[in-house]
Structures are given as C-alpha cells and as structure tokens.
Amino acid sequence: MRIVVSGGTGFIGRPLCASLCQQGHQVTLLTRRKEETQRSCDSTVAIVEWNGREAGAWEHCLDGADAVINLAGAPIADGRWTDARKRLLTETRVLSTRLLVEAMSR
C-alpha cells in the first residue's frame, strides 16, 4: 500500500513509519524539517516538506495514496495544559486535518 503520514517524526509516528516500511508498504512522510528527517528515517521513506498550514507542492504525494494518517500537531507532553496550550493542541490538529482533507478532495 502507498501510505502518506504527517507527523511521522513524533513519538507515535516514528515507530509507526518503521513498522509500515518493515511490512513492505511504500511510506511518504510529510514533515516541516525535510533535511533533519532524511538523516533520521529509513532510506525507503519518501520525505516531502510541508508546513501543515498551507496548500502547496506537497499535495502531489496524495495522488494514488491508499491511506493518509495524520499525526501532526503540537506535542502533548511539552507543557502544562493551560487554556492557551489546549487551544494550540486543538488548532494544530484541526488545521492540519482540514488541510489534508481539502487537498484530498481536490
């Protein structure tokens, strides 16, 4: 299967991508830090840069994908869950999901 993963460098995403590759899936990883991610990921993973907020050239990687997994969002364990932090946690997840859905619908 061709699987696109956003947020694949995080706590859950990293082992998920590794497992998907071991199972023989073709994984494309959407990331904000392309060069850093290339150094730390399996060489079979395709790395595509995106910012999680704007449409762009990254959208082409969704063409023909069998699955899209969105794990993008601010890390949940990086601080106290103040009202501002909860807004950030929610917004980063909702915005990235909305962006992916809009791109898939095009």
C-alpha atoms as a PDB file:
ATOM      1  CA  MET A   1       0.000   0.000   0.000  1.00  0.00           C
ATOM      2  CA  ARG A   2       1.003   3.623  -0.550  1.00  0.00           C
ATOM      3  CA  ILE A   3       0.622   5.397   2.784  1.00  0.00           C
ATOM      4  CA  VAL A   4       1.123   9.111   3.484  1.00  0.00           C
ATOM      5  CA  VAL A   5       1.912  10.020   7.099  1.00  0.00           C
ATOM      6  CA  SER A   6       2.015  13.531   8.530  1.00  0.00           C
ATOM      7  CA  GLY A   7       3.592  13.906  11.942  1.00  0.00           C
ATOM      8  CA  GLY A   8       5.641  10.795  11.353  1.00  0.00           C
ATOM      9  CA  THR A   9       8.667  12.007  13.297  1.00  0.00           C
ATOM     10  CA  GLY A  10       6.930  12.101  16.665  1.00  0.00           C
ATOM     11  CA  PHE A  11       6.590   9.615  19.496  1.00  0.00           C
ATOM     12  CA  ILE A  12       3.985   7.502  17.692  1.00  0.00           C
ATOM     13  CA  GLY A  13       4.839   8.378  14.095  1.00  0.00           C
ATOM     14  CA  ARG A  14       8.444   7.219  14.099  1.00  0.00           C
ATOM     15  CA  PRO A  15       7.769   3.601  15.155  1.00  0.00           C
ATOM     16  CA  LEU A  16       4.630   3.520  13.002  1.00  0.00           C
ATOM     17  CA  CYS A  17       6.573   4.504   9.871  1.00  0.00           C
ATOM     18  CA  ALA A  18       9.293   1.972  10.671  1.00  0.00           C
ATOM     19  CA  SER A  19       6.698  -0.773  11.118  1.00  0.00           C
ATOM     20  CA  LEU A  20       4.901   0.138   7.885  1.00  0.00           C
ATOM     21  CA  CYS A  21       8.208   0.000   5.980  1.00  0.00           C
ATOM     22  CA  GLN A  22       9.084  -3.379   7.520  1.00  0.00           C
ATOM     23  CA  GLN A  23       5.716  -4.675   6.332  1.00  0.00           C
ATOM     24  CA  GLY A  24       6.604  -3.625   2.786  1.00  0.00           C
ATOM     25  CA  HIS A  25       4.390  -0.559   2.470  1.00  0.00           C
ATOM     26  CA  GLN A  26       5.506   2.474   0.476  1.00  0.00           C
ATOM     27  CA  VAL A  27       5.596   5.318   3.029  1.00  0.00           C
ATOM     28  CA  THR A  28       5.646   9.037   2.275  1.00  0.00           C
ATOM     29  CA  LEU A  29       6.305  11.273   5.260  1.00  0.00           C
ATOM     30  CA  LEU A  30       5.109  14.885   5.364  1.00  0.00           C
ATOM     31  CA  THR A  31       7.429  16.929   7.562  1.00  0.00           C
ATOM     32  CA  ARG A  32       8.398  20.514   8.337  1.00  0.00           C
ATOM     33  CA  ARG A  33      12.088  19.591   8.657  1.00  0.00           C
ATOM     34  CA  LYS A  34      12.991  17.693   5.497  1.00  0.00           C
ATOM     35  CA  GLU A  35      16.793  17.578   5.848  1.00  0.00           C
ATOM     36  CA  GLU A  36      16.716  16.593   9.507  1.00  0.00           C
ATOM     37  CA  THR A  37      14.092  13.937   8.806  1.00  0.00           C
ATOM     38  CA  GLN A  38      16.080  12.458   5.912  1.00  0.00           C
ATOM     39  CA  ARG A  39      19.021  11.853   8.241  1.00  0.00           C
ATOM     40  CA  SER A  40      16.930  10.009  10.810  1.00  0.00           C
ATOM     41  CA  CYS A  41      14.462   7.978   8.702  1.00  0.00           C
ATOM     42  CA  ASP A  42      14.661   4.697   6.857  1.00  0.00           C
ATOM     43  CA  SER A  43      16.061   5.299   3.372  1.00  0.00           C
ATOM     44  CA  THR A  44      12.954   3.741   1.810  1.00  0.00           C
ATOM     45  CA  VAL A  45      10.703   6.503   3.196  1.00  0.00           C
ATOM     46  CA  ALA A  46       9.916   9.325   0.765  1.00  0.00           C
ATOM     47  CA  ILE A  47      10.259  12.663   2.545  1.00  0.00           C
ATOM     48  CA  VAL A  48       8.080  15.575   1.422  1.00  0.00           C
ATOM     49  CA  GLU A  49       8.205  19.009   3.023  1.00  0.00           C
ATOM     50  CA  TRP A  50       5.046  20.785   4.141  1.00  0.00           C
ATOM     51  CA  ASN A  51       4.198  23.277   6.872  1.00  0.00           C
ATOM     52  CA  GLY A  52       0.836  21.860   7.935  1.00  0.00           C
ATOM     53  CA  ARG A  53      -0.913  25.170   7.306  1.00  0.00           C
ATOM     54  CA  GLU A  54      -0.841  25.844   3.569  1.00  0.00           C
ATOM     55  CA  ALA A  55      -1.589  24.065   0.326  1.00  0.00           C
ATOM     56  CA  GLY A  56       1.424  23.525  -1.868  1.00  0.00           C
ATOM     57  CA  ALA A  57       3.544  21.235  -3.981  1.00  0.00           C
ATOM     58  CA  TRP A  58       3.356  18.561  -1.259  1.00  0.00           C
ATOM     59  CA  GLU A  59      -0.208  17.777  -2.330  1.00  0.00           C
ATOM     60  CA  HIS A  60       1.019  15.668  -5.285  1.00  0.00           C
ATOM     61  CA  CYS A  61       2.086  12.922  -2.851  1.00  0.00           C
ATOM     62  CA  LEU A  62      -1.576  12.266  -2.057  1.00  0.00           C
ATOM     63  CA  ASP A  63      -2.289  11.203  -5.636  1.00  0.00           C
ATOM     64  CA  GLY A  64      -2.871   7.458  -5.639  1.00  0.00           C
ATOM     65  CA  ALA A  65      -2.353   7.070  -1.891  1.00  0.00           C
ATOM     66  CA  ASP A  66      -4.227   4.156  -0.346  1.00  0.00           C
ATOM     67  CA  ALA A  67      -4.223   5.700   3.127  1.00  0.00           C
ATOM     68  CA  VAL A  68      -3.426   9.007   4.822  1.00  0.00           C
ATOM     69  CA  ILE A  69      -2.526   9.077   8.515  1.00  0.00           C
ATOM     70  CA  ASN A  70      -2.448  12.437  10.281  1.00  0.00           C
ATOM     71  CA  LEU A  71      -0.406  12.533  13.470  1.00  0.00           C
ATOM     72  CA  ALA A  72       0.654  16.174  13.035  1.00  0.00           C
ATOM     73  CA  GLY A  73       0.150  18.573  15.881  1.00  0.00           C
ATOM     74  CA  ALA A  74       1.901  20.225  18.781  1.00  0.00           C
ATOM     75  CA  PRO A  75       3.396  17.674  21.206  1.00  0.00           C
ATOM     76  CA  ILE A  76       1.000  16.914  24.051  1.00  0.00           C
ATOM     77  CA  ALA A  77       3.649  16.344  26.731  1.00  0.00           C
ATOM     78  CA  ASP A  78       5.684  19.519  26.249  1.00  0.00           C
ATOM     79  CA  GLY A  79       3.999  21.586  28.923  1.00  0.00           C
ATOM     80  CA  ARG A  80       1.061  22.154  31.221  1.00  0.00           C
ATOM     81  CA  TRP A  81      -2.328  22.108  29.590  1.00  0.00           C
ATOM     82  CA  THR A  82      -3.229  25.742  30.160  1.00  0.00           C
ATOM     83  CA  ASP A  83      -6.122  27.207  28.201  1.00  0.00           C
ATOM     84  CA  ALA A  84      -3.645  28.596  25.653  1.00  0.00           C
ATOM     85  CA  ARG A  85      -1.872  25.241  25.363  1.00  0.00           C
ATOM     86  CA  LYS A  86      -5.170  23.400  24.850  1.00  0.00           C
ATOM     87  CA  ARG A  87      -6.060  25.846  22.064  1.00  0.00           C
ATOM     88  CA  LEU A  88      -2.692  25.198  20.413  1.00  0.00           C
ATOM     89  CA  LEU A  89      -3.078  21.415  20.709  1.00  0.00           C
ATOM     90  CA  THR A  90      -6.538  21.576  19.171  1.00  0.00           C
ATOM     91  CA  GLU A  91      -5.746  24.115  16.454  1.00  0.00           C
ATOM     92  CA  THR A  92      -2.657  22.331  15.165  1.00  0.00           C
ATOM     93  CA  ARG A  93      -4.573  19.085  14.813  1.00  0.00           C
ATOM     94  CA  VAL A  94      -7.724  20.574  13.316  1.00  0.00           C
ATOM     95  CA  LEU A  95      -5.863  22.777  10.838  1.00  0.00           C
ATOM     96  CA  SER A  96      -3.596  20.004   9.572  1.00  0.00           C
ATOM     97  CA  THR A  97      -6.536  17.619   9.236  1.00  0.00           C
ATOM     98  CA  ARG A  98      -8.583  20.222   7.368  1.00  0.00           C
ATOM     99  CA  LEU A  99      -5.645  20.912   5.048  1.00  0.00           C
ATOM    100  CA  LEU A 100      -5.202  17.225   4.237  1.00  0.00           C
ATOM    101  CA  VAL A 101      -8.918  16.688   3.632  1.00  0.00           C
ATOM    102  CA  GLU A 102      -9.130  19.710   1.336  1.00  0.00           C
ATOM    103  CA  ALA A 103      -6.079  18.510  -0.617  1.00  0.00           C
ATOM    104  CA  MET A 104      -7.530  15.005  -0.956  1.00  0.00           C
ATOM    105  CA  SER A 105     -10.826  16.395  -2.223  1.00  0.00           C
ATOM    106  CA  ARG A 106      -9.030  18.287  -4.999  1.00  0.00           C
END
